[in-house]
Amino acid sequence: MKLTNANFAKKDQNFRVACEVASVLPTKRQASKYRRRLGRAVKVTMAQINQHKINKMWDGDTND
């Protein structure tokens, strides 16, 4: 059975945390945007990932 955006919004912990950090409600509309890599929650998630990579580069750690 395919996971709907409404169920995704309720069950996916990473999405819910991203919404909380981005100060948006975890609605099915936001879930749809998140799954298509659009919206504020995705921007926050990508910024955190990029910052982690930058920190690794500055610390001299090249392994992921």
Protein backbone atom coordinates (compact mmCIF):
# COMPACT_ATOMS: atom_id res chain seq x y z
CA MET A 1 0.00 0.00 0.00
CA LYS A 2 1.28 3.43 -0.96
CA LEU A 3 2.02 5.84 1.87
CA THR A 4 -0.18 8.91 1.46
CA ASN A 5 1.04 12.39 2.25
CA ALA A 6 -1.35 12.58 5.19
CA ASN A 7 0.08 9.38 6.70
CA PHE A 8 3.62 10.49 5.89
CA ALA A 9 2.99 13.76 7.76
CA LYS A 10 1.83 11.82 10.81
CA LYS A 11 4.45 9.05 10.84
CA ASP A 12 7.77 10.28 9.42
CA GLN A 13 9.89 11.52 12.31
CA ASN A 14 12.51 13.25 10.13
CA PHE A 15 9.80 15.24 8.38
CA ARG A 16 8.18 16.23 11.67
CA VAL A 17 11.50 17.44 13.11
CA ALA A 18 12.26 19.39 9.91
CA CYS A 19 8.87 21.08 10.14
CA GLU A 20 9.42 21.95 13.79
CA VAL A 21 12.81 23.51 13.06
CA ALA A 22 11.38 25.38 10.05
CA SER A 23 8.41 26.62 12.13
CA VAL A 24 5.79 25.12 9.80
CA LEU A 25 2.95 22.75 10.61
CA PRO A 26 3.46 19.13 9.47
CA THR A 27 0.44 19.05 7.16
CA LYS A 28 -0.21 16.84 4.16
CA ARG A 29 0.54 19.85 1.93
CA GLN A 30 3.94 20.29 3.56
CA ALA A 31 4.52 16.53 3.28
CA SER A 32 3.81 16.74 -0.44
CA LYS A 33 6.32 19.57 -0.82
CA TYR A 34 8.91 17.76 1.33
CA ARG A 35 8.64 14.57 -0.71
CA ARG A 36 9.12 16.59 -3.92
CA ARG A 37 12.13 18.39 -2.37
CA LEU A 38 10.37 21.77 -2.15
CA GLY A 39 9.38 24.08 0.68
CA ARG A 40 10.82 25.50 3.86
CA ALA A 41 11.27 22.16 5.66
CA VAL A 42 13.49 20.88 2.84
CA LYS A 43 15.55 24.08 2.87
CA VAL A 44 16.17 23.69 6.60
CA THR A 45 17.11 20.02 6.17
CA MET A 46 19.50 20.76 3.32
CA ALA A 47 21.08 23.65 5.25
CA GLN A 48 21.77 21.32 8.18
CA ILE A 49 23.29 18.67 5.91
CA ASN A 50 25.46 21.25 4.15
CA GLN A 51 26.58 22.75 7.46
CA HIS A 52 27.58 19.28 8.67
CA LYS A 53 29.68 18.78 5.53
CA ILE A 54 31.31 22.20 5.94
CA ASN A 55 32.15 21.45 9.56
CA LYS A 56 33.77 18.17 8.51
CA MET A 57 35.85 19.97 5.89
CA TRP A 58 37.07 22.59 8.37
CA ASP A 59 37.87 19.95 10.97
CA GLY A 60 39.98 18.09 8.42
CA ASP A 61 37.78 14.99 8.46
CA THR A 62 37.30 13.81 4.87
CA ASN A 63 35.41 10.58 5.65
CA ASP A 64 31.61 10.56 5.59
